[in-house]
C-alpha atoms as a PDB file:
ATOM      1  CA  UNK A   1     -25.093  -5.720 118.845  1.00  0.00           C
ATOM      2  CA  UNK A   2     -26.517  -2.572 118.692  1.00  0.00           C
ATOM      3  CA  UNK A   3     -28.417  -1.474 116.054  1.00  0.00           C
ATOM      4  CA  UNK A   4     -26.483   0.822 113.763  1.00  0.00           C
ATOM      5  CA  UNK A   5     -28.694   4.469 113.493  1.00  0.00           C
ATOM      6  CA  UNK A   6     -28.027   7.270 111.186  1.00  0.00           C
ATOM      7  CA  UNK A   7     -29.322  10.638 111.990  1.00  0.00           C
ATOM      8  CA  UNK A   8     -30.169  13.383 110.043  1.00  0.00           C
ATOM      9  CA  UNK A   9     -28.301  16.720 109.601  1.00  0.00           C
ATOM     10  CA  UNK A  10     -31.589  18.169 110.831  1.00  0.00           C
ATOM     11  CA  UNK A  11     -31.157  15.596 113.992  1.00  0.00           C
ATOM     12  CA  UNK A  12     -27.139  15.794 114.458  1.00  0.00           C
ATOM     13  CA  UNK A  13     -28.463  19.824 114.939  1.00  0.00           C
ATOM     14  CA  UNK A  14     -30.507  19.176 117.784  1.00  0.00           C
ATOM     15  CA  UNK A  15     -28.401  17.295 119.612  1.00  0.00           C
ATOM     16  CA  UNK A  16     -25.610  19.426 119.738  1.00  0.00           C
ATOM     17  CA  UNK A  17     -27.614  22.694 119.743  1.00  0.00           C
ATOM     18  CA  UNK A  18     -26.358  24.386 122.998  1.00  0.00           C
ATOM     19  CA  UNK A  19     -29.950  26.118 124.150  1.00  0.00           C
ATOM     20  CA  UNK A  20     -32.587  25.098 125.307  1.00  0.00           C
ATOM     21  CA  UNK A  21     -34.299  22.975 123.113  1.00  0.00           C
ATOM     22  CA  UNK A  22     -37.627  22.048 122.282  1.00  0.00           C
ATOM     23  CA  UNK A  23     -38.447  19.107 119.230  1.00  0.00           C
ATOM     24  CA  UNK A  24     -42.253  19.183 117.939  1.00  0.00           C
ATOM     25  CA  UNK A  25     -42.273  16.872 114.995  1.00  0.00           C
ATOM     26  CA  UNK A  26     -45.290  14.401 113.663  1.00  0.00           C
ATOM     27  CA  UNK A  27     -45.326  10.173 115.029  1.00  0.00           C
ATOM     28  CA  UNK A  28     -42.333   8.217 113.915  1.00  0.00           C
ATOM     29  CA  UNK A  29     -40.099  11.339 112.519  1.00  0.00           C
ATOM     30  CA  UNK A  30     -37.525  10.695 115.344  1.00  0.00           C
ATOM     31  CA  UNK A  31     -38.412  12.759 118.200  1.00  0.00           C
ATOM     32  CA  UNK A  32     -37.334   9.841 120.991  1.00  0.00           C
ATOM     33  CA  UNK A  33     -34.075   8.397 119.267  1.00  0.00           C
ATOM     34  CA  UNK A  34     -33.101  12.068 119.034  1.00  0.00           C
ATOM     35  CA  UNK A  35     -33.978  12.950 122.075  1.00  0.00           C
ATOM     36  CA  UNK A  36     -32.425  10.177 123.600  1.00  0.00           C
ATOM     37  CA  UNK A  37     -29.151  10.884 121.820  1.00  0.00           C
ATOM     38  CA  UNK A  38     -29.151  15.060 123.263  1.00  0.00           C
ATOM     39  CA  UNK A  39     -29.883  13.742 126.505  1.00  0.00           C
ATOM     40  CA  UNK A  40     -26.774  11.111 126.271  1.00  0.00           C
ATOM     41  CA  UNK A  41     -24.550  13.957 124.534  1.00  0.00           C
ATOM     42  CA  UNK A  42     -25.786  16.667 127.534  1.00  0.00           C
ATOM     43  CA  UNK A  43     -24.250  13.660 130.379  1.00  0.00           C
ATOM     44  CA  UNK A  44     -21.541  13.157 128.279  1.00  0.00           C
ATOM     45  CA  UNK A  45     -20.938  17.027 128.591  1.00  0.00           C
ATOM     46  CA  UNK A  46     -21.222  16.811 132.330  1.00  0.00           C
ATOM     47  CA  UNK A  47     -24.820  18.037 132.924  1.00  0.00           C
ATOM     48  CA  UNK A  48     -26.077  16.430 136.058  1.00  0.00           C
ATOM     49  CA  UNK A  49     -29.534  14.325 135.092  1.00  0.00           C
ATOM     50  CA  UNK A  50     -31.255  16.702 137.672  1.00  0.00           C
ATOM     51  CA  UNK A  51     -30.996  19.869 135.184  1.00  0.00           C
ATOM     52  CA  UNK A  52     -32.807  17.630 132.479  1.00  0.00           C
ATOM     53  CA  UNK A  53     -35.832  17.744 131.401  1.00  0.00           C
ATOM     54  CA  UNK A  54     -37.808  15.714 128.866  1.00  0.00           C
ATOM     55  CA  UNK A  55     -41.567  16.070 128.473  1.00  0.00           C
ATOM     56  CA  UNK A  56     -43.834  13.723 126.769  1.00  0.00           C
ATOM     57  CA  UNK A  57     -47.526  14.270 126.583  1.00  0.00           C
ATOM     58  CA  UNK A  58     -48.625  10.027 127.540  1.00  0.00           C
ATOM     59  CA  UNK A  59     -46.958   7.388 129.486  1.00  0.00           C
ATOM     60  CA  UNK A  60     -46.180   5.466 126.603  1.00  0.00           C
ATOM     61  CA  UNK A  61     -44.447   7.787 125.228  1.00  0.00           C
ATOM     62  CA  UNK A  62     -42.419   8.622 128.783  1.00  0.00           C
ATOM     63  CA  UNK A  63     -41.551   4.697 129.165  1.00  0.00           C
ATOM     64  CA  UNK A  64     -40.606   4.717 125.163  1.00  0.00           C
ATOM     65  CA  UNK A  65     -38.438   7.817 126.164  1.00  0.00           C
ATOM     66  CA  UNK A  66     -36.642   6.187 129.242  1.00  0.00           C
ATOM     67  CA  UNK A  67     -36.112   2.648 127.396  1.00  0.00           C
ATOM     68  CA  UNK A  68     -33.959   4.644 124.582  1.00  0.00           C
ATOM     69  CA  UNK A  69     -32.154   6.753 127.344  1.00  0.00           C
ATOM     70  CA  UNK A  70     -31.463   3.974 129.572  1.00  0.00           C
ATOM     71  CA  UNK A  71     -30.767   1.323 126.390  1.00  0.00           C
ATOM     72  CA  UNK A  72     -28.011   4.574 124.975  1.00  0.00           C
ATOM     73  CA  UNK A  73     -26.892   5.347 129.021  1.00  0.00           C
ATOM     74  CA  UNK A  74     -25.435   1.673 128.782  1.00  0.00           C
ATOM     75  CA  UNK A  75     -24.093   1.496 125.064  1.00  0.00           C
ATOM     76  CA  UNK A  76     -22.092   4.820 126.267  1.00  0.00           C
ATOM     77  CA  UNK A  77     -21.764   4.899 130.099  1.00  0.00           C
ATOM     78  CA  UNK A  78     -19.804   1.766 132.281  1.00  0.00           C
ATOM     79  CA  UNK A  79     -20.825   0.856 135.370  1.00  0.00           C
END
């Protein structure tokens, strides 16, 4: 069973933004969670995966972002 996540109003604004989005914040503030929800929303809105760009500064952050998107995608898209 997936963990229930409660998003802040600011996170919801980022996820629902219709323009390009840059999220800059301190460690541990929910950037990975927010951006993984944003990527899933873009995919649900029929944006092609190759048109989505997520940039991280470290290999560790890249893996965390990939894992978060992958796990969320498994919950939202069937095979």
